[in-house]
Amino acid sequence: MKSSRIRHTVVAAAAVVALPVSLGVMAPQAFADPATPGTPTPPSAPVTPGTPTSPSASASPSESTSPGTSTSPSPSTSPSRTAVPNAAVPFGPGCSSIPKTGTGSFVEMAKEPVGTAISHNPDFSTFVSLVKKAGLTDRLNSAQDITVFVPTNEAFKKLSTAELDQIKNNESQLRKVVKYHIAEKKVAPDQLPNGVFSTWEGTTLSTSGSDRTFKVNDTAKILCGNIKTANATVYTIDTVLTPK
């Protein structure tokens, strides 16, 4: 009986000694560091659905996509009022009296010398007759790059009968008046606002105005301007010019 007890005591003591040893062997495996090489890394926590990821600073909408002054369309500029008419086309309220097609039209006048061109418009018949009477038709047709300010028949009606007769019947005065309506150079529309031009008569005439409204010597209104002929530019006017 006594020996049986001793055996049980020895077995129990051996068990007590073996337990810590076994635990010491298992501990390094049970509590090993997950970052140890060869040990799989646990997956990162999943992103919660519906939570947007923060954009990087370079793609921030406030910096790259926000409309700023560089991308916003600039306000449209209001068209400024044109200082002078288009140099390529005739202008003015009196241009409606010029035939649209055929003899006397802008197209046909551009093909003819100025003396012949203006003779095809009945509105200029009085001035044309004075040019012929003064013997200046050929000179007009052979000159180059001149400008003729042509009074309409209505312009001559502003003169009294005595004034018109004085022009017609006095050769010296006739030539003086006709030649005063002819500038020695080609006058473009952009020269009209503040122009001074020498004439065949020997003195000067002036032009003034803006946009599409101009005057010669501050009295004669330009009715139709910038009419092209083969050798000259024509401006029709509503008043006969008086030499200085």
C-alpha atoms as a PDB file:
ATOM      1  CA  MET A   1       0.000   0.000   0.000  1.00  0.00           C
ATOM      2  CA  LYS A   2       2.747   2.369   0.947  1.00  0.00           C
ATOM      3  CA  SER A   3       4.664   1.724  -2.258  1.00  0.00           C
ATOM      4  CA  SER A   4       1.509   2.452  -4.314  1.00  0.00           C
ATOM      5  CA  ARG A   5       1.205   5.889  -2.758  1.00  0.00           C
ATOM      6  CA  ILE A   6       4.808   6.655  -3.451  1.00  0.00           C
ATOM      7  CA  ARG A   7       4.308   5.751  -7.153  1.00  0.00           C
ATOM      8  CA  HIS A   8       1.328   8.086  -7.501  1.00  0.00           C
ATOM      9  CA  THR A   9       3.276  10.914  -5.882  1.00  0.00           C
ATOM     10  CA  VAL A  10       6.185  10.496  -8.283  1.00  0.00           C
ATOM     11  CA  VAL A  11       3.833  10.510 -11.330  1.00  0.00           C
ATOM     12  CA  ALA A  12       2.072  13.673 -10.116  1.00  0.00           C
ATOM     13  CA  ALA A  13       5.332  15.477  -9.547  1.00  0.00           C
ATOM     14  CA  ALA A  14       6.531  14.558 -13.027  1.00  0.00           C
ATOM     15  CA  ALA A  15       3.319  15.967 -14.499  1.00  0.00           C
ATOM     16  CA  VAL A  16       3.831  19.251 -12.667  1.00  0.00           C
ATOM     17  CA  VAL A  17       7.335  19.542 -14.076  1.00  0.00           C
ATOM     18  CA  ALA A  18       6.266  18.588 -17.661  1.00  0.00           C
ATOM     19  CA  LEU A  19       3.399  21.094 -17.947  1.00  0.00           C
ATOM     20  CA  PRO A  20       5.501  24.289 -17.849  1.00  0.00           C
ATOM     21  CA  VAL A  21       7.980  22.779 -20.245  1.00  0.00           C
ATOM     22  CA  SER A  22       5.266  21.985 -22.786  1.00  0.00           C
ATOM     23  CA  LEU A  23       3.792  25.456 -22.427  1.00  0.00           C
ATOM     24  CA  GLY A  24       7.223  26.990 -23.003  1.00  0.00           C
ATOM     25  CA  VAL A  25       7.576  25.031 -26.226  1.00  0.00           C
ATOM     26  CA  MET A  26       4.163  26.129 -27.549  1.00  0.00           C
ATOM     27  CA  ALA A  27       4.389  29.809 -26.506  1.00  0.00           C
ATOM     28  CA  PRO A  28       6.716  31.036 -29.281  1.00  0.00           C
ATOM     29  CA  GLN A  29       4.372  29.650 -31.966  1.00  0.00           C
ATOM     30  CA  ALA A  30       1.141  30.860 -30.335  1.00  0.00           C
ATOM     31  CA  PHE A  31       2.374  34.411 -29.791  1.00  0.00           C
ATOM     32  CA  ALA A  32       4.698  34.853 -32.746  1.00  0.00           C
ATOM     33  CA  ASP A  33       4.888  38.440 -34.315  1.00  0.00           C
ATOM     34  CA  PRO A  34       2.664  38.552 -37.469  1.00  0.00           C
ATOM     35  CA  ALA A  35       5.292  40.664 -39.244  1.00  0.00           C
ATOM     36  CA  THR A  36       7.844  37.921 -38.987  1.00  0.00           C
ATOM     37  CA  PRO A  37       9.118  36.978 -42.492  1.00  0.00           C
ATOM     38  CA  GLY A  38       7.274  34.034 -43.874  1.00  0.00           C
ATOM     39  CA  THR A  39       4.164  34.781 -41.882  1.00  0.00           C
ATOM     40  CA  PRO A  40       1.246  36.006 -44.080  1.00  0.00           C
ATOM     41  CA  THR A  41       0.199  39.625 -43.386  1.00  0.00           C
ATOM     42  CA  PRO A  42      -3.414  39.910 -42.294  1.00  0.00           C
ATOM     43  CA  PRO A  43      -5.626  41.821 -44.782  1.00  0.00           C
ATOM     44  CA  SER A  44      -6.267  45.484 -44.089  1.00  0.00           C
ATOM     45  CA  ALA A  45      -9.621  46.544 -42.810  1.00  0.00           C
ATOM     46  CA  PRO A  46     -12.162  46.902 -45.653  1.00  0.00           C
ATOM     47  CA  VAL A  47     -13.395  50.358 -46.560  1.00  0.00           C
ATOM     48  CA  THR A  48     -16.867  51.019 -45.286  1.00  0.00           C
ATOM     49  CA  PRO A  49     -19.295  51.109 -48.253  1.00  0.00           C
ATOM     50  CA  GLY A  50     -20.497  54.619 -49.123  1.00  0.00           C
ATOM     51  CA  THR A  51     -17.506  56.356 -47.587  1.00  0.00           C
ATOM     52  CA  PRO A  52     -15.681  58.319 -50.355  1.00  0.00           C
ATOM     53  CA  THR A  53     -11.956  58.144 -50.500  1.00  0.00           C
ATOM     54  CA  SER A  54     -10.226  61.475 -50.006  1.00  0.00           C
ATOM     55  CA  PRO A  55      -8.807  62.883 -53.281  1.00  0.00           C
ATOM     56  CA  SER A  56      -5.165  63.775 -53.374  1.00  0.00           C
ATOM     57  CA  ALA A  57      -4.175  67.421 -53.050  1.00  0.00           C
ATOM     58  CA  SER A  58      -3.155  67.637 -56.711  1.00  0.00           C
ATOM     59  CA  ALA A  59      -6.617  66.568 -57.852  1.00  0.00           C
ATOM     60  CA  SER A  60      -8.510  68.795 -55.449  1.00  0.00           C
ATOM     61  CA  PRO A  61     -11.580  70.172 -57.236  1.00  0.00           C
ATOM     62  CA  SER A  62     -10.990  73.566 -55.694  1.00  0.00           C
ATOM     63  CA  GLU A  63      -7.640  73.809 -57.469  1.00  0.00           C
ATOM     64  CA  SER A  64      -7.902  71.856 -60.727  1.00  0.00           C
ATOM     65  CA  THR A  65     -11.575  71.621 -61.637  1.00  0.00           C
ATOM     66  CA  SER A  66     -13.116  74.666 -60.013  1.00  0.00           C
ATOM     67  CA  PRO A  67     -13.969  77.226 -62.731  1.00  0.00           C
ATOM     68  CA  GLY A  68     -11.775  80.257 -62.222  1.00  0.00           C
ATOM     69  CA  THR A  69     -10.935  83.383 -64.116  1.00  0.00           C
ATOM     70  CA  SER A  70      -8.599  81.488 -66.433  1.00  0.00           C
ATOM     71  CA  THR A  71     -11.305  79.105 -67.665  1.00  0.00           C
ATOM     72  CA  SER A  72     -14.395  81.272 -67.384  1.00  0.00           C
ATOM     73  CA  PRO A  73     -15.295  82.913 -70.716  1.00  0.00           C
ATOM     74  CA  SER A  74     -14.505  86.573 -70.679  1.00  0.00           C
ATOM     75  CA  PRO A  75     -17.425  88.960 -71.074  1.00  0.00           C
ATOM     76  CA  SER A  76     -18.184  89.708 -74.671  1.00  0.00           C
ATOM     77  CA  THR A  77     -16.852  93.038 -75.752  1.00  0.00           C
ATOM     78  CA  SER A  78     -19.494  95.430 -76.993  1.00  0.00           C
ATOM     79  CA  PRO A  79     -18.715  96.403 -80.559  1.00  0.00           C
ATOM     80  CA  SER A  80     -17.453  99.943 -80.650  1.00  0.00           C
ATOM     81  CA  ARG A  81     -18.990 102.361 -83.069  1.00  0.00           C
ATOM     82  CA  THR A  82     -17.120 102.372 -86.348  1.00  0.00           C
ATOM     83  CA  ALA A  83     -15.241 105.647 -86.795  1.00  0.00           C
ATOM     84  CA  VAL A  84     -15.234 105.442 -90.593  1.00  0.00           C
ATOM     85  CA  PRO A  85     -17.093 103.355 -93.178  1.00  0.00           C
ATOM     86  CA  ASN A  86     -15.702 100.262 -94.831  1.00  0.00           C
ATOM     87  CA  ALA A  87     -13.115 101.426 -97.351  1.00  0.00           C
ATOM     88  CA  ALA A  88     -14.179  98.734 -99.833  1.00  0.00           C
ATOM     89  CA  VAL A  89     -17.781  99.822-100.436  1.00  0.00           C
ATOM     90  CA  PRO A  90     -19.737 103.028-101.080  1.00  0.00           C
ATOM     91  CA  PHE A  91     -21.680 104.492 -98.146  1.00  0.00           C
ATOM     92  CA  GLY A  92     -24.326 107.092 -97.422  1.00  0.00           C
ATOM     93  CA  PRO A  93     -28.074 107.671 -97.886  1.00  0.00           C
ATOM     94  CA  GLY A  94     -27.640 108.990-101.425  1.00  0.00           C
ATOM     95  CA  CYS A  95     -26.245 105.681-102.659  1.00  0.00           C
ATOM     96  CA  SER A  96     -29.809 104.455-103.168  1.00  0.00           C
ATOM     97  CA  SER A  97     -30.059 106.749-106.213  1.00  0.00           C
ATOM     98  CA  ILE A  98     -27.261 104.880-107.973  1.00  0.00           C
ATOM     99  CA  PRO A  99     -28.591 102.151-110.320  1.00  0.00           C
ATOM    100  CA  LYS A 100     -28.171  98.646-108.938  1.00  0.00           C
ATOM    101  CA  THR A 101     -27.230  97.147-112.293  1.00  0.00           C
ATOM    102  CA  GLY A 102     -26.352  98.234-115.818  1.00  0.00           C
ATOM    103  CA  THR A 103     -25.128 101.624-116.999  1.00  0.00           C
ATOM    104  CA  GLY A 104     -24.404 104.024-114.157  1.00  0.00           C
ATOM    105  CA  SER A 105     -24.254 101.262-111.513  1.00  0.00           C
ATOM    106  CA  PHE A 106     -21.342 100.938-109.100  1.00  0.00           C
ATOM    107  CA  VAL A 107     -20.003  97.972-111.047  1.00  0.00           C
ATOM    108  CA  GLU A 108     -20.052  99.738-114.387  1.00  0.00           C
ATOM    109  CA  MET A 109     -18.708 103.028-113.007  1.00  0.00           C
ATOM    110  CA  ALA A 110     -15.689 101.167-111.661  1.00  0.00           C
ATOM    111  CA  LYS A 111     -14.807 100.200-115.241  1.00  0.00           C
ATOM    112  CA  GLU A 112     -14.972 103.727-116.689  1.00  0.00           C
ATOM    113  CA  PRO A 113     -12.921 106.932-116.264  1.00  0.00           C
ATOM    114  CA  VAL A 114     -14.612 109.387-113.942  1.00  0.00           C
ATOM    115  CA  GLY A 115     -15.835 111.924-116.533  1.00  0.00           C
ATOM    116  CA  THR A 116     -17.634 109.179-118.460  1.00  0.00           C
ATOM    117  CA  ALA A 117     -18.826 107.354-115.340  1.00  0.00           C
ATOM    118  CA  ILE A 118     -20.678 110.313-113.809  1.00  0.00           C
ATOM    119  CA  SER A 119     -22.243 111.229-117.164  1.00  0.00           C
ATOM    120  CA  HIS A 120     -24.329 108.041-116.996  1.00  0.00           C
ATOM    121  CA  ASN A 121     -26.235 109.193-113.923  1.00  0.00           C
ATOM    122  CA  PRO A 122     -28.967 111.778-114.648  1.00  0.00           C
ATOM    123  CA  ASP A 123     -28.712 113.121-111.068  1.00  0.00           C
ATOM    124  CA  PHE A 124     -25.318 114.603-111.976  1.00  0.00           C
ATOM    125  CA  SER A 125     -26.302 116.113-115.339  1.00  0.00           C
ATOM    126  CA  THR A 126     -25.829 119.771-114.320  1.00  0.00           C
ATOM    127  CA  PHE A 127     -22.286 119.216-113.048  1.00  0.00           C
ATOM    128  CA  VAL A 128     -21.440 117.101-116.092  1.00  0.00           C
ATOM    129  CA  SER A 129     -22.616 119.892-118.398  1.00  0.00           C
ATOM    130  CA  LEU A 130     -20.433 122.422-116.552  1.00  0.00           C
ATOM    131  CA  VAL A 131     -17.397 120.102-116.822  1.00  0.00           C
ATOM    132  CA  LYS A 132     -17.932 119.871-120.570  1.00  0.00           C
ATOM    133  CA  LYS A 133     -18.474 123.616-120.907  1.00  0.00           C
ATOM    134  CA  ALA A 134     -15.217 124.219-118.986  1.00  0.00           C
ATOM    135  CA  GLY A 135     -13.377 121.841-121.353  1.00  0.00           C
ATOM    136  CA  LEU A 136     -12.233 119.572-118.514  1.00  0.00           C
ATOM    137  CA  THR A 137     -13.758 116.225-119.519  1.00  0.00           C
ATOM    138  CA  ASP A 138     -10.644 114.841-121.156  1.00  0.00           C
ATOM    139  CA  ARG A 139      -8.449 115.972-118.280  1.00  0.00           C
ATOM    140  CA  LEU A 140     -10.757 114.261-115.825  1.00  0.00           C
ATOM    141  CA  ASN A 141     -10.702 111.032-117.788  1.00  0.00           C
ATOM    142  CA  SER A 142      -6.908 110.970-118.149  1.00  0.00           C
ATOM    143  CA  ALA A 143      -5.954 111.971-114.594  1.00  0.00           C
ATOM    144  CA  GLN A 144      -4.931 109.303-112.083  1.00  0.00           C
ATOM    145  CA  ASP A 145      -5.884 108.828-108.430  1.00  0.00           C
ATOM    146  CA  ILE A 146      -7.958 111.969-108.044  1.00  0.00           C
ATOM    147  CA  THR A 147     -11.136 112.615-106.080  1.00  0.00           C
ATOM    148  CA  VAL A 148     -14.201 114.388-107.452  1.00  0.00           C
ATOM    149  CA  PHE A 149     -16.829 115.908-105.160  1.00  0.00           C
ATOM    150  CA  VAL A 150     -19.878 115.882-107.423  1.00  0.00           C
ATOM    151  CA  PRO A 151     -22.825 118.161-106.558  1.00  0.00           C
ATOM    152  CA  THR A 152     -26.206 116.647-107.429  1.00  0.00           C
ATOM    153  CA  ASN A 153     -28.782 118.496-109.505  1.00  0.00           C
ATOM    154  CA  GLU A 154     -30.614 119.279-106.244  1.00  0.00           C
ATOM    155  CA  ALA A 155     -27.459 120.951-104.976  1.00  0.00           C
ATOM    156  CA  PHE A 156     -27.462 123.345-107.927  1.00  0.00           C
ATOM    157  CA  LYS A 157     -31.102 124.180-107.252  1.00  0.00           C
ATOM    158  CA  LYS A 158     -29.997 125.795-103.986  1.00  0.00           C
ATOM    159  CA  LEU A 159     -28.305 128.498-106.060  1.00  0.00           C
ATOM    160  CA  SER A 160     -30.275 131.418-107.329  1.00  0.00           C
ATOM    161  CA  THR A 161     -30.736 131.854-111.072  1.00  0.00           C
ATOM    162  CA  ALA A 162     -28.325 134.782-111.018  1.00  0.00           C
ATOM    163  CA  GLU A 163     -25.657 132.760-109.173  1.00  0.00           C
ATOM    164  CA  LEU A 164     -25.949 129.838-111.583  1.00  0.00           C
ATOM    165  CA  ASP A 165     -25.846 132.130-114.613  1.00  0.00           C
ATOM    166  CA  GLN A 166     -22.725 133.806-113.225  1.00  0.00           C
ATOM    167  CA  ILE A 167     -21.002 130.415-113.144  1.00  0.00           C
ATOM    168  CA  LYS A 168     -22.195 129.313-116.565  1.00  0.00           C
ATOM    169  CA  ASN A 169     -21.542 132.536-118.435  1.00  0.00           C
ATOM    170  CA  ASN A 170     -18.192 133.508-116.938  1.00  0.00           C
ATOM    171  CA  GLU A 171     -15.552 131.177-118.307  1.00  0.00           C
ATOM    172  CA  SER A 172     -12.986 132.062-115.654  1.00  0.00           C
ATOM    173  CA  GLN A 173     -15.483 131.595-112.850  1.00  0.00           C
ATOM    174  CA  LEU A 174     -16.803 128.400-114.439  1.00  0.00           C
ATOM    175  CA  ARG A 175     -13.393 126.739-114.539  1.00  0.00           C
ATOM    176  CA  LYS A 176     -12.622 127.966-111.048  1.00  0.00           C
ATOM    177  CA  VAL A 177     -15.785 126.421-109.582  1.00  0.00           C
ATOM    178  CA  VAL A 178     -15.461 123.109-111.433  1.00  0.00           C
ATOM    179  CA  LYS A 179     -11.789 122.674-110.581  1.00  0.00           C
ATOM    180  CA  TYR A 180     -12.477 123.445-106.908  1.00  0.00           C
ATOM    181  CA  HIS A 181     -14.554 120.225-106.723  1.00  0.00           C
ATOM    182  CA  ILE A 182     -11.563 118.109-107.760  1.00  0.00           C
ATOM    183  CA  ALA A 183      -8.921 117.063-105.204  1.00  0.00           C
ATOM    184  CA  GLU A 184      -5.439 116.296-106.492  1.00  0.00           C
ATOM    185  CA  LYS A 185      -5.177 112.998-104.616  1.00  0.00           C
ATOM    186  CA  LYS A 186      -7.267 109.955-103.847  1.00  0.00           C
ATOM    187  CA  VAL A 187      -9.280 110.557-100.661  1.00  0.00           C
ATOM    188  CA  ALA A 188     -10.079 107.436 -98.649  1.00  0.00           C
ATOM    189  CA  PRO A 189     -12.909 107.267 -96.085  1.00  0.00           C
ATOM    190  CA  ASP A 190     -10.478 107.132 -93.170  1.00  0.00           C
ATOM    191  CA  GLN A 191      -9.133 110.553 -94.218  1.00  0.00           C
ATOM    192  CA  LEU A 192     -12.522 112.258 -94.020  1.00  0.00           C
ATOM    193  CA  PRO A 193     -12.831 112.895 -90.250  1.00  0.00           C
ATOM    194  CA  ASN A 194     -10.190 115.634 -90.309  1.00  0.00           C
ATOM    195  CA  GLY A 195      -8.976 116.073 -93.868  1.00  0.00           C
ATOM    196  CA  VAL A 196      -7.479 118.968 -95.811  1.00  0.00           C
ATOM    197  CA  PHE A 197      -6.891 118.461 -99.535  1.00  0.00           C
ATOM    198  CA  SER A 198      -5.401 120.522-102.337  1.00  0.00           C
ATOM    199  CA  THR A 199      -7.661 121.094-105.346  1.00  0.00           C
ATOM    200  CA  TRP A 200      -7.138 121.693-109.026  1.00  0.00           C
ATOM    201  CA  GLU A 201      -8.308 125.249-108.429  1.00  0.00           C
ATOM    202  CA  GLY A 202      -5.164 125.925-106.353  1.00  0.00           C
ATOM    203  CA  THR A 203      -6.649 126.250-102.881  1.00  0.00           C
ATOM    204  CA  THR A 204      -7.771 123.616-100.373  1.00  0.00           C
ATOM    205  CA  LEU A 205     -11.022 122.123 -99.169  1.00  0.00           C
ATOM    206  CA  SER A 206     -11.620 120.360 -95.872  1.00  0.00           C
ATOM    207  CA  THR A 207     -13.673 117.401 -94.687  1.00  0.00           C
ATOM    208  CA  SER A 208     -14.987 116.555 -91.237  1.00  0.00           C
ATOM    209  CA  GLY A 209     -17.353 114.177 -89.443  1.00  0.00           C
ATOM    210  CA  SER A 210     -17.443 110.609 -88.169  1.00  0.00           C
ATOM    211  CA  ASP A 211     -19.102 107.234 -88.645  1.00  0.00           C
ATOM    212  CA  ARG A 212     -21.103 107.669 -91.874  1.00  0.00           C
ATOM    213  CA  THR A 213     -21.836 111.385 -91.623  1.00  0.00           C
ATOM    214  CA  PHE A 214     -19.333 113.749 -93.217  1.00  0.00           C
ATOM    215  CA  LYS A 215     -19.260 117.282 -94.580  1.00  0.00           C
ATOM    216  CA  VAL A 216     -17.064 119.201 -96.987  1.00  0.00           C
ATOM    217  CA  ASN A 217     -16.091 122.706 -95.839  1.00  0.00           C
ATOM    218  CA  ASP A 218     -18.579 122.257 -92.973  1.00  0.00           C
ATOM    219  CA  THR A 219     -21.472 122.949 -95.366  1.00  0.00           C
ATOM    220  CA  ALA A 220     -21.879 120.277 -98.046  1.00  0.00           C
ATOM    221  CA  LYS A 221     -23.070 116.890 -96.802  1.00  0.00           C
ATOM    222  CA  ILE A 222     -21.628 113.795 -98.415  1.00  0.00           C
ATOM    223  CA  LEU A 223     -24.608 111.846 -99.773  1.00  0.00           C
ATOM    224  CA  CYS A 224     -22.835 108.862-101.286  1.00  0.00           C
ATOM    225  CA  GLY A 225     -19.152 108.347-100.651  1.00  0.00           C
ATOM    226  CA  ASN A 226     -16.320 106.195-101.860  1.00  0.00           C
ATOM    227  CA  ILE A 227     -17.687 105.474-105.350  1.00  0.00           C
ATOM    228  CA  LYS A 228     -14.925 103.908-107.390  1.00  0.00           C
ATOM    229  CA  THR A 229     -14.254 104.698-111.032  1.00  0.00           C
ATOM    230  CA  ALA A 230     -11.376 103.492-113.208  1.00  0.00           C
ATOM    231  CA  ASN A 231      -9.180 106.451-112.302  1.00  0.00           C
ATOM    232  CA  ALA A 232     -10.837 108.309-109.426  1.00  0.00           C
ATOM    233  CA  THR A 233     -12.956 108.240-106.283  1.00  0.00           C
ATOM    234  CA  VAL A 234     -16.292 110.073-106.244  1.00  0.00           C
ATOM    235  CA  TYR A 235     -18.180 111.635-103.337  1.00  0.00           C
ATOM    236  CA  THR A 236     -21.592 113.074-104.178  1.00  0.00           C
ATOM    237  CA  ILE A 237     -22.579 116.183-102.186  1.00  0.00           C
ATOM    238  CA  ASP A 238     -25.759 118.174-101.552  1.00  0.00           C
ATOM    239  CA  THR A 239     -24.267 121.685-101.915  1.00  0.00           C
ATOM    240  CA  VAL A 240     -22.128 123.406-104.559  1.00  0.00           C
ATOM    241  CA  LEU A 241     -18.699 124.297-103.156  1.00  0.00           C
ATOM    242  CA  THR A 242     -17.511 127.888-103.341  1.00  0.00           C
ATOM    243  CA  PRO A 243     -13.802 128.528-103.899  1.00  0.00           C
ATOM    244  CA  LYS A 244     -12.097 130.492-101.124  1.00  0.00           C
END
